[in-house]
Amino acid sequence: FVSEIRCYGLESILVGKERGSFFESLAAGSWTDMHSH
């Protein structure tokens, strides 16, 4: 019955300078940050 399933985590916020170093430490930025959590 299902054609596809989509899961979204869309945000207007930016990473910001205070989280920039943390984001850089991740293997794939937004994907690593949002995906498994």
Full PDB file with SEQRES, HELIX, SHEET, SSBOND, CRYST1, ORIGX, SCALE, CONECT and MASTER records, all heavy atoms in Angstrom:
SEQRES   1 A   37  PHE VAL SER GLU ILE ARG CYS TYR GLY LEU GLU SER ILE          
SEQRES   2 A   37  LEU VAL GLY LYS GLU ARG GLY SER PHE PHE GLU SER LEU          
SEQRES   3 A   37  ALA ALA GLY SER TRP THR ASP MET HIS SER HIS                  
HELIX    1 AA1 LYS A   17  SER A   25  1                                   9    
HELIX    2 AA2 GLY A   29  HIS A   35  1                                   7    
CRYST1    1.000    1.000    1.000  90.00  90.00  90.00 P 1           1          
ORIGX1      1.000000  0.000000  0.000000        0.00000                         
ORIGX2      0.000000  1.000000  0.000000        0.00000                         
ORIGX3      0.000000  0.000000  1.000000        0.00000                         
SCALE1      1.000000  0.000000  0.000000        0.00000                         
SCALE2      0.000000  1.000000  0.000000        0.00000                         
SCALE3      0.000000  0.000000  1.000000        0.00000                         
ATOM      1  N   PHE A   1       0.791  -1.225   0.000  1.00  0.00           N  
ATOM      2  CA  PHE A   1       0.000   0.000   0.000  1.00  0.00           C  
ATOM      3  C   PHE A   1       0.830   1.285   0.000  1.00  0.00           C  
ATOM      4  O   PHE A   1       0.318   2.342  -0.371  1.00  0.00           O  
ATOM      5  CB  PHE A   1      -0.921   0.028   1.228  1.00  0.00           C  
ATOM      6  CG  PHE A   1      -1.794  -1.175   1.365  1.00  0.00           C  
ATOM      7  CD1 PHE A   1      -1.511  -2.151   2.308  1.00  0.00           C  
ATOM      8  CD2 PHE A   1      -2.902  -1.362   0.541  1.00  0.00           C  
ATOM      9  CE1 PHE A   1      -2.315  -3.278   2.437  1.00  0.00           C  
ATOM     10  CE2 PHE A   1      -3.701  -2.476   0.653  1.00  0.00           C  
ATOM     11  CZ  PHE A   1      -3.414  -3.450   1.603  1.00  0.00           C  
ATOM     12  N   VAL A   2       2.095   1.196   0.418  1.00  0.00           N  
ATOM     13  CA  VAL A   2       2.898   2.402   0.631  1.00  0.00           C  
ATOM     14  C   VAL A   2       3.864   2.623  -0.529  1.00  0.00           C  
ATOM     15  O   VAL A   2       4.601   1.717  -0.932  1.00  0.00           O  
ATOM     16  CB  VAL A   2       3.678   2.306   1.957  1.00  0.00           C  
ATOM     17  CG1 VAL A   2       4.645   3.477   2.105  1.00  0.00           C  
ATOM     18  CG2 VAL A   2       2.696   2.286   3.128  1.00  0.00           C  
ATOM     19  N   SER A   3       3.871   3.847  -1.044  1.00  0.00           N  
ATOM     20  CA  SER A   3       4.790   4.228  -2.107  1.00  0.00           C  
ATOM     21  C   SER A   3       6.158   4.611  -1.540  1.00  0.00           C  
ATOM     22  O   SER A   3       7.197   4.186  -2.040  1.00  0.00           O  
ATOM     23  CB  SER A   3       4.212   5.405  -2.896  1.00  0.00           C  
ATOM     24  OG  SER A   3       5.139   5.901  -3.828  1.00  0.00           O  
ATOM     25  N   GLU A   4       6.168   5.423  -0.472  1.00  0.00           N  
ATOM     26  CA  GLU A   4       7.408   5.782   0.200  1.00  0.00           C  
ATOM     27  C   GLU A   4       7.094   6.378   1.567  1.00  0.00           C  
ATOM     28  O   GLU A   4       5.954   6.790   1.829  1.00  0.00           O  
ATOM     29  CB  GLU A   4       8.241   6.762  -0.623  1.00  0.00           C  
ATOM     30  CG  GLU A   4       7.593   8.112  -0.858  1.00  0.00           C  
ATOM     31  CD  GLU A   4       8.477   9.029  -1.695  1.00  0.00           C  
ATOM     32  OE1 GLU A   4       9.440   8.560  -2.308  1.00  0.00           O  
ATOM     33  OE2 GLU A   4       8.185  10.238  -1.719  1.00  0.00           O  
ATOM     34  N   ILE A   5       8.093   6.408   2.428  1.00  0.00           N  
ATOM     35  CA  ILE A   5       7.973   7.028   3.746  1.00  0.00           C  
ATOM     36  C   ILE A   5       9.101   8.038   3.886  1.00  0.00           C  
ATOM     37  O   ILE A   5      10.260   7.735   3.599  1.00  0.00           O  
ATOM     38  CB  ILE A   5       8.036   5.985   4.873  1.00  0.00           C  
ATOM     39  CG1 ILE A   5       6.830   5.049   4.791  1.00  0.00           C  
ATOM     40  CG2 ILE A   5       8.078   6.667   6.247  1.00  0.00           C  
ATOM     41  CD1 ILE A   5       6.825   3.933   5.828  1.00  0.00           C  
ATOM     42  N   ARG A   6       8.731   9.230   4.349  1.00  0.00           N  
ATOM     43  CA  ARG A   6       9.729  10.301   4.493  1.00  0.00           C  
ATOM     44  C   ARG A   6       9.775  10.759   5.945  1.00  0.00           C  
ATOM     45  O   ARG A   6       8.720  10.963   6.564  1.00  0.00           O  
ATOM     46  CB  ARG A   6       9.366  11.486   3.602  1.00  0.00           C  
ATOM     47  CG  ARG A   6       9.286  11.139   2.124  1.00  0.00           C  
ATOM     48  CD  ARG A   6       8.827  12.340   1.325  1.00  0.00           C  
ATOM     49  NE  ARG A   6       8.910  12.107  -0.110  1.00  0.00           N  
ATOM     50  CZ  ARG A   6       8.805  13.058  -1.020  1.00  0.00           C  
ATOM     51  NH1 ARG A   6       8.593  14.314  -0.631  1.00  0.00           N  
ATOM     52  NH2 ARG A   6       8.901  12.778  -2.294  1.00  0.00           N  
ATOM     53  N   CYS A   7      10.964  10.924   6.459  1.00  0.00           N  
ATOM     54  CA  CYS A   7      11.161  11.449   7.813  1.00  0.00           C  
ATOM     55  C   CYS A   7      11.949  12.744   7.719  1.00  0.00           C  
ATOM     56  O   CYS A   7      13.013  12.781   7.084  1.00  0.00           O  
ATOM     57  CB  CYS A   7      11.913  10.445   8.683  1.00  0.00           C  
ATOM     58  SG  CYS A   7      11.026   8.896   8.953  1.00  0.00           S  
ATOM     59  N   TYR A   8      11.420  13.796   8.327  1.00  0.00           N  
ATOM     60  CA  TYR A   8      12.003  15.129   8.167  1.00  0.00           C  
ATOM     61  C   TYR A   8      12.454  15.718   9.499  1.00  0.00           C  
ATOM     62  O   TYR A   8      11.767  15.589  10.520  1.00  0.00           O  
ATOM     63  CB  TYR A   8      10.962  16.094   7.579  1.00  0.00           C  
ATOM     64  CG  TYR A   8      10.592  15.850   6.139  1.00  0.00           C  
ATOM     65  CD1 TYR A   8       9.467  15.097   5.815  1.00  0.00           C  
ATOM     66  CD2 TYR A   8      11.349  16.385   5.106  1.00  0.00           C  
ATOM     67  CE1 TYR A   8       9.103  14.888   4.485  1.00  0.00           C  
ATOM     68  CE2 TYR A   8      10.991  16.188   3.778  1.00  0.00           C  
ATOM     69  CZ  TYR A   8       9.871  15.438   3.477  1.00  0.00           C  
ATOM     70  OH  TYR A   8       9.522  15.238   2.164  1.00  0.00           O  
ATOM     71  N   GLY A   9      13.596  16.393   9.441  1.00  0.00           N  
ATOM     72  CA  GLY A   9      14.062  17.235  10.532  1.00  0.00           C  
ATOM     73  C   GLY A   9      14.594  18.518   9.930  1.00  0.00           C  
ATOM     74  O   GLY A   9      15.806  18.680   9.770  1.00  0.00           O  
ATOM     75  N   LEU A  10      13.705  19.424   9.535  1.00  0.00           N  
ATOM     76  CA  LEU A  10      14.073  20.654   8.834  1.00  0.00           C  
ATOM     77  C   LEU A  10      14.061  21.824   9.818  1.00  0.00           C  
ATOM     78  O   LEU A  10      13.106  21.971  10.586  1.00  0.00           O  
ATOM     79  CB  LEU A  10      13.103  20.920   7.682  1.00  0.00           C  
ATOM     80  CG  LEU A  10      12.856  19.754   6.719  1.00  0.00           C  
ATOM     81  CD1 LEU A  10      11.877  20.165   5.628  1.00  0.00           C  
ATOM     82  CD2 LEU A  10      14.167  19.254   6.108  1.00  0.00           C  
ATOM     83  N   GLU A  11      15.099  22.644   9.775  1.00  0.00           N  
ATOM     84  CA  GLU A  11      15.236  23.734  10.735  1.00  0.00           C  
ATOM     85  C   GLU A  11      15.636  25.027  10.040  1.00  0.00           C  
ATOM     86  O   GLU A  11      16.372  25.005   9.049  1.00  0.00           O  
ATOM     87  CB  GLU A  11      16.292  23.399  11.788  1.00  0.00           C  
ATOM     88  CG  GLU A  11      15.995  22.156  12.600  1.00  0.00           C  
ATOM     89  CD  GLU A  11      17.096  21.838  13.581  1.00  0.00           C  
ATOM     90  OE1 GLU A  11      18.242  21.618  13.135  1.00  0.00           O  
ATOM     91  OE2 GLU A  11      16.824  21.814  14.789  1.00  0.00           O  
ATOM     92  N   SER A  12      15.167  26.142  10.584  1.00  0.00           N  
ATOM     93  CA  SER A  12      15.581  27.446  10.061  1.00  0.00           C  
ATOM     94  C   SER A  12      16.815  27.969  10.790  1.00  0.00           C  
ATOM     95  O   SER A  12      17.498  28.857  10.279  1.00  0.00           O  
ATOM     96  CB  SER A  12      14.441  28.459  10.207  1.00  0.00           C  
ATOM     97  OG  SER A  12      14.067  28.600  11.569  1.00  0.00           O  
ATOM     98  N   ILE A  13      17.101  27.420  11.979  1.00  0.00           N  
ATOM     99  CA  ILE A  13      18.250  27.893  12.754  1.00  0.00           C  
ATOM    100  C   ILE A  13      19.558  27.558  12.040  1.00  0.00           C  
ATOM    101  O   ILE A  13      19.623  26.630  11.230  1.00  0.00           O  
ATOM    102  CB  ILE A  13      18.264  27.300  14.173  1.00  0.00           C  
ATOM    103  CG1 ILE A  13      18.404  25.765  14.112  1.00  0.00           C  
ATOM    104  CG2 ILE A  13      17.023  27.700  14.949  1.00  0.00           C  
ATOM    105  CD1 ILE A  13      18.652  25.133  15.459  1.00  0.00           C  
ATOM    106  N   LEU A  14      20.594  28.314  12.372  1.00  0.00           N  
ATOM    107  CA  LEU A  14      21.923  28.058  11.835  1.00  0.00           C  
ATOM    108  C   LEU A  14      22.750  27.288  12.869  1.00  0.00           C  
ATOM    109  O   LEU A  14      22.346  27.155  14.023  1.00  0.00           O  
ATOM    110  CB  LEU A  14      22.609  29.379  11.482  1.00  0.00           C  
ATOM    111  CG  LEU A  14      21.825  30.332  10.555  1.00  0.00           C  
ATOM    112  CD1 LEU A  14      22.648  31.586  10.280  1.00  0.00           C  
ATOM    113  CD2 LEU A  14      21.438  29.637   9.265  1.00  0.00           C  
ATOM    114  N   VAL A  15      23.869  26.795  12.430  1.00  0.00           N  
ATOM    115  CA  VAL A  15      24.757  26.080  13.348  1.00  0.00           C  
ATOM    116  C   VAL A  15      25.272  27.027  14.420  1.00  0.00           C  
ATOM    117  O   VAL A  15      25.266  26.720  15.613  1.00  0.00           O  
ATOM    118  CB  VAL A  15      25.928  25.439  12.581  1.00  0.00           C  
ATOM    119  CG1 VAL A  15      26.924  24.806  13.552  1.00  0.00           C  
ATOM    120  CG2 VAL A  15      25.404  24.389  11.595  1.00  0.00           C  
ATOM    121  N   GLY A  16      25.699  28.211  14.004  1.00  0.00           N  
ATOM    122  CA  GLY A  16      26.203  29.206  14.953  1.00  0.00           C  
ATOM    123  C   GLY A  16      27.671  29.008  15.288  1.00  0.00           C  
ATOM    124  O   GLY A  16      28.182  27.885  15.258  1.00  0.00           O  
ATOM    125  N   LYS A  17      28.345  30.088  15.616  1.00  0.00           N  
ATOM    126  CA  LYS A  17      29.778  30.023  15.907  1.00  0.00           C  
ATOM    127  C   LYS A  17      30.070  29.169  17.130  1.00  0.00           C  
ATOM    128  O   LYS A  17      31.086  28.480  17.198  1.00  0.00           O  
ATOM    129  CB  LYS A  17      30.331  31.432  16.096  1.00  0.00           C  
ATOM    130  CG  LYS A  17      30.347  32.260  14.828  1.00  0.00           C  
ATOM    131  CD  LYS A  17      30.982  33.620  15.052  1.00  0.00           C  
ATOM    132  CE  LYS A  17      31.026  34.420  13.747  1.00  0.00           C  
ATOM    133  NZ  LYS A  17      31.634  35.756  13.941  1.00  0.00           N  
ATOM    134  N   GLU A  18      29.156  29.209  18.123  1.00  0.00           N  
ATOM    135  CA  GLU A  18      29.419  28.473  19.356  1.00  0.00           C  
ATOM    136  C   GLU A  18      29.366  26.964  19.156  1.00  0.00           C  
ATOM    137  O   GLU A  18      29.969  26.207  19.917  1.00  0.00           O  
ATOM    138  CB  GLU A  18      28.432  28.895  20.449  1.00  0.00           C  
ATOM    139  CG  GLU A  18      26.974  28.577  20.193  1.00  0.00           C  
ATOM    140  CD  GLU A  18      26.284  29.567  19.267  1.00  0.00           C  
ATOM    141  OE1 GLU A  18      26.956  30.531  18.821  1.00  0.00           O  
ATOM    142  OE2 GLU A  18      25.087  29.384  18.980  1.00  0.00           O  
ATOM    143  N   ARG A  19      28.648  26.485  18.124  1.00  0.00           N  
ATOM    144  CA  ARG A  19      28.563  25.040  17.863  1.00  0.00           C  
ATOM    145  C   ARG A  19      29.381  24.639  16.645  1.00  0.00           C  
ATOM    146  O   ARG A  19      29.402  23.478  16.264  1.00  0.00           O  
ATOM    147  CB  ARG A  19      27.104  24.607  17.647  1.00  0.00           C  
ATOM    148  CG  ARG A  19      26.224  24.749  18.860  1.00  0.00           C  
ATOM    149  CD  ARG A  19      24.882  24.072  18.651  1.00  0.00           C  
ATOM    150  NE  ARG A  19      24.981  22.622  18.724  1.00  0.00           N  
ATOM    151  CZ  ARG A  19      24.503  21.782  17.824  1.00  0.00           C  
ATOM    152  NH1 ARG A  19      23.915  22.230  16.733  1.00  0.00           N  
ATOM    153  NH2 ARG A  19      24.612  20.475  17.979  1.00  0.00           N  
ATOM    154  N   GLY A  20      30.067  25.603  16.037  1.00  0.00           N  
ATOM    155  CA  GLY A  20      30.806  25.312  14.819  1.00  0.00           C  
ATOM    156  C   GLY A  20      31.857  24.239  14.992  1.00  0.00           C  
ATOM    157  O   GLY A  20      31.994  23.329  14.164  1.00  0.00           O  
ATOM    158  N   SER A  21      32.632  24.304  16.082  1.00  0.00           N  
ATOM    159  CA  SER A  21      33.700  23.317  16.286  1.00  0.00           C  
ATOM    160  C   SER A  21      33.118  21.926  16.526  1.00  0.00           C  
ATOM    161  O   SER A  21      33.655  20.921  16.054  1.00  0.00           O  
ATOM    162  CB  SER A  21      34.582  23.729  17.460  1.00  0.00           C  
ATOM    163  OG  SER A  21      33.819  23.847  18.647  1.00  0.00           O  
ATOM    164  N   PHE A  22      31.976  21.866  17.258  1.00  0.00           N  
ATOM    165  CA  PHE A  22      31.324  20.575  17.472  1.00  0.00           C  
ATOM    166  C   PHE A  22      30.839  20.002  16.147  1.00  0.00           C  
ATOM    167  O   PHE A  22      31.019  18.818  15.858  1.00  0.00           O  
ATOM    168  CB  PHE A  22      30.144  20.743  18.424  1.00  0.00           C  
ATOM    169  CG  PHE A  22      29.193  19.567  18.440  1.00  0.00           C  
ATOM    170  CD1 PHE A  22      29.557  18.375  19.043  1.00  0.00           C  
ATOM    171  CD2 PHE A  22      27.944  19.647  17.844  1.00  0.00           C  
ATOM    172  CE1 PHE A  22      28.697  17.294  19.047  1.00  0.00           C  
ATOM    173  CE2 PHE A  22      27.077  18.568  17.847  1.00  0.00           C  
ATOM    174  CZ  PHE A  22      27.456  17.394  18.458  1.00  0.00           C  
ATOM    175  N   PHE A  23      30.216  20.837  15.341  1.00  0.00           N  
ATOM    176  CA  PHE A  23      29.696  20.393  14.051  1.00  0.00           C  
ATOM    177  C   PHE A  23      30.827  19.872  13.167  1.00  0.00           C  
ATOM    178  O   PHE A  23      30.674  18.876  12.466  1.00  0.00           O  
ATOM    179  CB  PHE A  23      28.986  21.570  13.373  1.00  0.00           C  
ATOM    180  CG  PHE A  23      27.738  21.182  12.634  1.00  0.00           C  
ATOM    181  CD1 PHE A  23      26.636  20.699  13.318  1.00  0.00           C  
ATOM    182  CD2 PHE A  23      27.654  21.313  11.264  1.00  0.00           C  
ATOM    183  CE1 PHE A  23      25.473  20.357  12.643  1.00  0.00           C  
ATOM    184  CE2 PHE A  23      26.497  20.967  10.577  1.00  0.00           C  
ATOM    185  CZ  PHE A  23      25.404  20.489  11.271  1.00  0.00           C  
ATOM    186  N   GLU A  24      31.968  20.573  13.209  1.00  0.00           N  
ATOM    187  CA  GLU A  24      33.115  20.154  12.405  1.00  0.00           C  
ATOM    188  C   GLU A  24      33.678  18.814  12.859  1.00  0.00           C  
ATOM    189  O   GLU A  24      34.279  18.086  12.073  1.00  0.00           O  
ATOM    190  CB  GLU A  24      34.212  21.220  12.473  1.00  0.00           C  
ATOM    191  CG  GLU A  24      33.941  22.446  11.624  1.00  0.00           C  
ATOM    192  CD  GLU A  24      33.916  22.127  10.140  1.00  0.00           C  
ATOM    193  OE1 GLU A  24      34.963  21.752   9.585  1.00  0.00           O  
ATOM    194  OE2 GLU A  24      32.835  22.239   9.540  1.00  0.00           O  
ATOM    195  N   SER A  25      33.481  18.485  14.133  1.00  0.00           N  
ATOM    196  CA  SER A  25      34.016  17.233  14.657  1.00  0.00           C  
ATOM    197  C   SER A  25      33.194  16.027  14.228  1.00  0.00           C  
ATOM    198  O   SER A  25      33.639  14.885  14.352  1.00  0.00           O  
ATOM    199  CB  SER A  25      34.073  17.278  16.190  1.00  0.00           C  
ATOM    200  OG  SER A  25      32.755  17.236  16.750  1.00  0.00           O  
ATOM    201  N   LEU A  26      31.983  16.267  13.742  1.00  0.00           N  
ATOM    202  CA  LEU A  26      31.117  15.172  13.318  1.00  0.00           C  
ATOM    203  C   LEU A  26      31.523  14.675  11.942  1.00  0.00           C  
ATOM    204  O   LEU A  26      32.022  15.424  11.110  1.00  0.00           O  
ATOM    205  CB  LEU A  26      29.656  15.637  13.274  1.00  0.00           C  
ATOM    206  CG  LEU A  26      29.076  16.154  14.601  1.00  0.00           C  
ATOM    207  CD1 LEU A  26      27.671  16.686  14.376  1.00  0.00           C  
ATOM    208  CD2 LEU A  26      29.067  15.061  15.645  1.00  0.00           C  
ATOM    209  N   ALA A  27      31.282  13.395  11.710  1.00  0.00           N  
ATOM    210  CA  ALA A  27      31.696  12.800  10.447  1.00  0.00           C  
ATOM    211  C   ALA A  27      30.976  13.416   9.255  1.00  0.00           C  
ATOM    212  O   ALA A  27      31.535  13.530   8.172  1.00  0.00           O  
ATOM    213  CB  ALA A  27      31.444  11.293  10.480  1.00  0.00           C  
ATOM    214  N   ALA A  28      29.723  13.808   9.460  1.00  0.00           N  
ATOM    215  CA  ALA A  28      28.967  14.376   8.334  1.00  0.00           C  
ATOM    216  C   ALA A  28      27.975  15.412   8.820  1.00  0.00           C  
ATOM    217  O   ALA A  28      26.798  15.397   8.464  1.00  0.00           O  
ATOM    218  CB  ALA A  28      28.254  13.282   7.550  1.00  0.00           C  
ATOM    219  N   GLY A  29      28.432  16.336   9.633  1.00  0.00           N  
ATOM    220  CA  GLY A  29      27.654  17.498  10.013  1.00  0.00           C  
ATOM    221  C   GLY A  29      26.213  17.218  10.381  1.00  0.00           C  
ATOM    222  O   GLY A  29      25.916  16.463  11.302  1.00  0.00           O  
ATOM    223  N   SER A  30      25.286  17.848   9.645  1.00  0.00           N  
ATOM    224  CA  SER A  30      23.859  17.767   9.950  1.00  0.00           C  
ATOM    225  C   SER A  30      23.353  16.331   9.934  1.00  0.00           C  
ATOM    226  O   SER A  30      22.502  15.959  10.745  1.00  0.00           O  
ATOM    227  CB  SER A  30      23.067  18.608   8.938  1.00  0.00           C  
ATOM    228  OG  SER A  30      21.692  18.570   9.226  1.00  0.00           O  
ATOM    229  N   TRP A  31      23.872  15.532   9.028  1.00  0.00           N  
ATOM    230  CA  TRP A  31      23.415  14.142   8.939  1.00  0.00           C  
ATOM    231  C   TRP A  31      23.756  13.380  10.214  1.00  0.00           C  
ATOM    232  O   TRP A  31      22.909  12.725  10.819  1.00  0.00           O  
ATOM    233  CB  TRP A  31      24.055  13.479   7.728  1.00  0.00           C  
ATOM    234  CG  TRP A  31      23.854  11.992   7.655  1.00  0.00           C  
ATOM    235  CD1 TRP A  31      24.809  11.039   7.644  1.00  0.00           C  
ATOM    236  CD2 TRP A  31      22.606  11.301   7.558  1.00  0.00           C  
ATOM    237  NE1 TRP A  31      24.237   9.794   7.562  1.00  0.00           N  
ATOM    238  CE2 TRP A  31      22.891   9.926   7.511  1.00  0.00           C  
ATOM    239  CE3 TRP A  31      21.280  11.708   7.518  1.00  0.00           C  
ATOM    240  CZ2 TRP A  31      21.897   8.963   7.421  1.00  0.00           C  
ATOM    241  CZ3 TRP A  31      20.285  10.739   7.439  1.00  0.00           C  
ATOM    242  CH2 TRP A  31      20.601   9.392   7.384  1.00  0.00           C  
ATOM    243  N   THR A  32      25.003  13.488  10.673  1.00  0.00           N  
ATOM    244  CA  THR A  32      25.391  12.810  11.907  1.00  0.00           C  
ATOM    245  C   THR A  32      24.661  13.397  13.100  1.00  0.00           C  
ATOM    246  O   THR A  32      24.234  12.674  14.008  1.00  0.00           O  
ATOM    247  CB  THR A  32      26.910  12.936  12.121  1.00  0.00           C  
ATOM    248  OG1 THR A  32      27.591  12.450  10.956  1.00  0.00           O  
ATOM    249  CG2 THR A  32      27.361  12.133  13.321  1.00  0.00           C  
ATOM    250  N   ASP A  33      24.493  14.705  13.125  1.00  0.00           N  
ATOM    251  CA  ASP A  33      23.875  15.392  14.258  1.00  0.00           C  
ATOM    252  C   ASP A  33      22.420  14.983  14.432  1.00  0.00           C  
ATOM    253  O   ASP A  33      21.950  14.742  15.548  1.00  0.00           O  
ATOM    254  CB  ASP A  33      23.981  16.907  14.038  1.00  0.00           C  
ATOM    255  CG  ASP A  33      23.445  17.708  15.205  1.00  0.00           C  
ATOM    256  OD1 ASP A  33      23.641  17.272  16.351  1.00  0.00           O  
ATOM    257  OD2 ASP A  33      22.846  18.763  14.971  1.00  0.00           O  
ATOM    258  N   MET A  34      21.681  14.892  13.336  1.00  0.00           N  
ATOM    259  CA  MET A  34      20.237  14.682  13.417  1.00  0.00           C  
ATOM    260  C   MET A  34      19.819  13.225  13.242  1.00  0.00           C  
ATOM    261  O   MET A  34      18.818  12.788  13.812  1.00  0.00           O  
ATOM    262  CB  MET A  34      19.531  15.514  12.340  1.00  0.00           C  
ATOM    263  CG  MET A  34      19.642  17.007  12.534  1.00  0.00           C  
ATOM    264  SD  MET A  34      18.581  17.604  13.854  1.00  0.00           S  
ATOM    265  CE  MET A  34      16.977  17.534  13.034  1.00  0.00           C  
ATOM    266  N   HIS A  35      20.587  12.469  12.472  1.00  0.00           N  
ATOM    267  CA  HIS A  35      20.087  11.186  11.999  1.00  0.00           C  
ATOM    268  C   HIS A  35      19.886  10.152  13.098  1.00  0.00           C  
ATOM    269  O   HIS A  35      18.794   9.670  13.331  1.00  0.00           O  
ATOM    270  CB  HIS A  35      21.007  10.653  10.902  1.00  0.00           C  
ATOM    271  CG  HIS A  35      21.357   9.218  11.069  1.00  0.00           C  
ATOM    272  ND1 HIS A  35      22.389   8.817  11.870  1.00  0.00           N  
ATOM    273  CD2 HIS A  35      20.781   8.099  10.586  1.00  0.00           C  
ATOM    274  CE1 HIS A  35      22.449   7.492  11.845  1.00  0.00           C  
ATOM    275  NE2 HIS A  35      21.500   7.045  11.085  1.00  0.00           N  
ATOM    276  N   SER A  36      20.954   9.779  13.820  1.00  0.00           N  
ATOM    277  CA  SER A  36      20.822   8.679  14.776  1.00  0.00           C  
ATOM    278  C   SER A  36      20.096   9.108  16.040  1.00  0.00           C  
ATOM    279  O   SER A  36      19.621   8.274  16.801  1.00  0.00           O  
ATOM    280  CB  SER A  36      22.202   8.115  15.136  1.00  0.00           C  
ATOM    281  OG  SER A  36      23.023   9.110  15.686  1.00  0.00           O  
ATOM    282  N   HIS A  37      19.962  10.429  16.267  1.00  0.00           N  
ATOM    283  CA  HIS A  37      19.312  10.911  17.473  1.00  0.00           C  
ATOM    284  C   HIS A  37      17.846  11.227  17.242  1.00  0.00           C  
ATOM    285  O   HIS A  37      17.073  11.262  18.194  1.00  0.00           O  
ATOM    286  CB  HIS A  37      20.017  12.180  17.984  1.00  0.00           C  
ATOM    287  CG  HIS A  37      21.497  12.017  18.100  1.00  0.00           C  
ATOM    288  ND1 HIS A  37      22.379  13.055  17.946  1.00  0.00           N  
ATOM    289  CD2 HIS A  37      22.245  10.917  18.350  1.00  0.00           C  
ATOM    290  CE1 HIS A  37      23.619  12.601  18.100  1.00  0.00           C  
ATOM    291  NE2 HIS A  37      23.548  11.324  18.342  1.00  0.00           N  
TER     292      HIS A  37                                                      
MASTER        0    0    0    2    0    0    0    6  291    1    0    3          
END                                                                             
